[in-house]
C-alpha atoms as a PDB file:
ATOM      1  CA  MET A   1     -13.954   7.275  51.820  1.00  0.00           C
ATOM      2  CA  GLU A   2      -9.976   6.500  53.867  1.00  0.00           C
ATOM      3  CA  PHE A   3      -9.162   4.140  50.587  1.00  0.00           C
ATOM      4  CA  LEU A   4      -9.275   6.772  48.220  1.00  0.00           C
ATOM      5  CA  THR A   5      -6.683   9.179  50.342  1.00  0.00           C
ATOM      6  CA  SER A   6      -4.237   5.396  50.762  1.00  0.00           C
ATOM      7  CA  PRO A   7      -0.770   5.332  49.263  1.00  0.00           C
ATOM      8  CA  ALA A   8      -1.822   2.950  47.244  1.00  0.00           C
ATOM      9  CA  PHE A   9      -4.463   4.967  44.930  1.00  0.00           C
ATOM     10  CA  ALA A  10      -1.447   7.279  44.529  1.00  0.00           C
ATOM     11  CA  ILE A  11       1.082   4.637  43.784  1.00  0.00           C
ATOM     12  CA  VAL A  12      -1.661   3.243  40.616  1.00  0.00           C
ATOM     13  CA  GLY A  13      -2.549   7.051  39.612  1.00  0.00           C
ATOM     14  CA  ILE A  14       0.724   8.031  39.519  1.00  0.00           C
ATOM     15  CA  ALA A  15       1.960   4.231  37.262  1.00  0.00           C
ATOM     16  CA  ALA A  16      -1.177   5.267  34.577  1.00  0.00           C
ATOM     17  CA  MET A  17       0.358   8.064  34.375  1.00  0.00           C
ATOM     18  CA  VAL A  18       4.247   7.291  34.165  1.00  0.00           C
ATOM     19  CA  GLY A  19       2.600   4.308  31.488  1.00  0.00           C
ATOM     20  CA  TRP A  20       1.029   6.984  29.280  1.00  0.00           C
ATOM     21  CA  VAL A  21       3.360   8.462  29.007  1.00  0.00           C
ATOM     22  CA  PHE A  22       5.948   6.484  28.007  1.00  0.00           C
ATOM     23  CA  THR A  23       3.921   4.719  25.508  1.00  0.00           C
ATOM     24  CA  THR A  24       3.163   8.220  23.715  1.00  0.00           C
ATOM     25  CA  TRP A  25       7.069   8.541  24.267  1.00  0.00           C
ATOM     26  CA  LEU A  26       7.976   5.112  22.473  1.00  0.00           C
ATOM     27  CA  ARG A  27       5.021   5.856  19.562  1.00  0.00           C
ATOM     28  CA  VAL A  28       6.601   9.453  18.862  1.00  0.00           C
ATOM     29  CA  LYS A  29       9.973   7.669  18.823  1.00  0.00           C
ATOM     30  CA  HIS A  30       9.376   4.847  15.930  1.00  0.00           C
ATOM     31  CA  GLY A  31       7.154   7.164  14.070  1.00  0.00           C
ATOM     32  CA  TYR A  32       3.303   6.002  14.654  1.00  0.00           C
ATOM     33  CA  PRO A  33       0.860   8.829  14.431  1.00  0.00           C
ATOM     34  CA  LEU A  34       0.018  10.097  17.874  1.00  0.00           C
ATOM     35  CA  GLU A  35      -4.445   9.286  18.160  1.00  0.00           C
ATOM     36  CA  GLY A  36      -6.873  10.833  20.491  1.00  0.00           C
ATOM     37  CA  SER A  37      -8.917   8.587  22.516  1.00  0.00           C
ATOM     38  CA  TRP A  38     -11.122   7.570  19.766  1.00  0.00           C
ATOM     39  CA  GLY A  39      -7.748   6.928  17.190  1.00  0.00           C
ATOM     40  CA  GLN A  40      -8.452   9.649  14.611  1.00  0.00           C
ATOM     41  CA  ALA A  41      -4.886  10.754  14.315  1.00  0.00           C
ATOM     42  CA  LEU A  42      -4.066  14.123  16.672  1.00  0.00           C
ATOM     43  CA  LYS A  43      -1.256  15.086  14.046  1.00  0.00           C
ATOM     44  CA  PRO A  44      -1.367  13.796  10.424  1.00  0.00           C
ATOM     45  CA  VAL A  45       2.378  12.592   9.156  1.00  0.00           C
ATOM     46  CA  HIS A  46       2.867  13.511   5.490  1.00  0.00           C
ATOM     47  CA  ASN A  47       6.485  11.505   5.247  1.00  0.00           C
ATOM     48  CA  ASN A  48       7.870  12.857   2.153  1.00  0.00           C
ATOM     49  CA  GLU A  49       9.392   9.742   1.037  1.00  0.00           C
ATOM     50  CA  ALA A  50       6.233   7.769   1.201  1.00  0.00           C
ATOM     51  CA  ILE A  51       4.387  10.135  -1.097  1.00  0.00           C
ATOM     52  CA  GLU A  52       7.550   9.400  -3.496  1.00  0.00           C
ATOM     53  CA  ARG A  53       7.479   5.690  -3.192  1.00  0.00           C
ATOM     54  CA  LEU A  54       3.587   5.990  -4.087  1.00  0.00           C
ATOM     55  CA  LYS A  55       4.253   8.028  -7.374  1.00  0.00           C
ATOM     56  CA  LEU A  56       7.150   5.409  -8.350  1.00  0.00           C
ATOM     57  CA  LEU A  57       4.556   2.873  -7.681  1.00  0.00           C
ATOM     58  CA  THR A  58       1.936   4.567  -9.057  1.00  0.00           C
ATOM     59  CA  THR A  59       4.068   4.836 -12.289  1.00  0.00           C
ATOM     60  CA  GLU A  60       5.144   1.324 -12.361  1.00  0.00           C
ATOM     61  CA  ASN A  61       1.837   0.183 -12.271  1.00  0.00           C
ATOM     62  CA  ALA A  62       0.389   2.307 -15.305  1.00  0.00           C
ATOM     63  CA  GLN A  63       3.717   0.509 -16.818  1.00  0.00           C
ATOM     64  CA  LEU A  64       3.368  -2.881 -15.778  1.00  0.00           C
ATOM     65  CA  GLN A  65      -0.576  -2.580 -16.912  1.00  0.00           C
ATOM     66  CA  ALA A  66       0.684  -1.031 -20.546  1.00  0.00           C
ATOM     67  CA  GLU A  67       2.944  -4.036 -21.233  1.00  0.00           C
ATOM     68  CA  LEU A  68       0.085  -6.214 -19.828  1.00  0.00           C
ATOM     69  CA  GLY A  69      -1.873  -4.920 -22.651  1.00  0.00           C
ATOM     70  CA  ALA A  70       0.771  -5.313 -25.018  1.00  0.00           C
ATOM     71  CA  LEU A  71       1.334  -9.206 -23.776  1.00  0.00           C
ATOM     72  CA  LYS A  72      -2.736 -10.356 -24.366  1.00  0.00           C
ATOM     73  CA  ASP A  73      -2.711  -9.093 -27.914  1.00  0.00           C
ATOM     74  CA  ARG A  74       0.199 -10.977 -28.656  1.00  0.00           C
ATOM     75  CA  VAL A  75      -1.134 -13.510 -27.209  1.00  0.00           C
ATOM     76  CA  GLN A  76      -4.465 -13.110 -29.865  1.00  0.00           C
ATOM     77  CA  THR A  77      -2.181 -12.843 -32.412  1.00  0.00           C
ATOM     78  CA  LEU A  78      -0.776 -15.989 -31.135  1.00  0.00           C
ATOM     79  CA  GLU A  79      -3.643 -17.951 -30.907  1.00  0.00           C
ATOM     80  CA  ARG A  80      -5.338 -17.206 -34.383  1.00  0.00           C
ATOM     81  CA  ILE A  81      -2.071 -18.489 -36.247  1.00  0.00           C
ATOM     82  CA  ALA A  82      -1.927 -21.688 -33.873  1.00  0.00           C
ATOM     83  CA  THR A  83      -5.711 -22.095 -34.194  1.00  0.00           C
ATOM     84  CA  ASP A  84      -6.375 -21.191 -38.015  1.00  0.00           C
ATOM     85  CA  ASP A  85      -6.339 -23.091 -40.454  1.00  0.00           C
ATOM     86  CA  GLY A  86      -2.886 -23.295 -42.949  1.00  0.00           C
ATOM     87  CA  ARG A  87      -4.151 -22.136 -46.492  1.00  0.00           C
ATOM     88  CA  ARG A  88      -5.965 -18.719 -44.676  1.00  0.00           C
ATOM     89  CA  LEU A  89      -2.407 -17.832 -42.878  1.00  0.00           C
ATOM     90  CA  SER A  90      -0.275 -18.324 -46.043  1.00  0.00           C
ATOM     91  CA  ARG A  91      -2.783 -16.042 -48.094  1.00  0.00           C
ATOM     92  CA  GLU A  92      -2.513 -13.419 -45.722  1.00  0.00           C
ATOM     93  CA  ILE A  93       1.541 -13.687 -45.579  1.00  0.00           C
ATOM     94  CA  GLU A  94       1.223 -13.402 -49.013  1.00  0.00           C
ATOM     95  CA  ASP A  95      -1.288 -10.251 -49.052  1.00  0.00           C
ATOM     96  CA  LEU A  96       0.872  -8.759 -46.489  1.00  0.00           C
ATOM     97  CA  ARG A  97       3.971  -8.991 -48.736  1.00  0.00           C
ATOM     98  CA  HIS A  98       2.417  -7.570 -51.419  1.00  0.00           C
END
């Protein structure tokens, strides 16, 4: 039991605590969320910049989906024009003129 009171044991314990404090400080300094012993967040981080970026990306995604739909319609029309019989296409154009 004498090894539990040796200075080496105390040094290792102190070094472990100093390392834990230093690691926690680095996480806080660089914006990482603090975690408990099982990996759960101790304090959820709500970053306004991240929320705004998510809103912008959602809006951009909706715009791109709409544009993609319009482009698909155009491609279908062009494919129909390219593969249809020329007389039928001429007849449809003339029908549109009248």
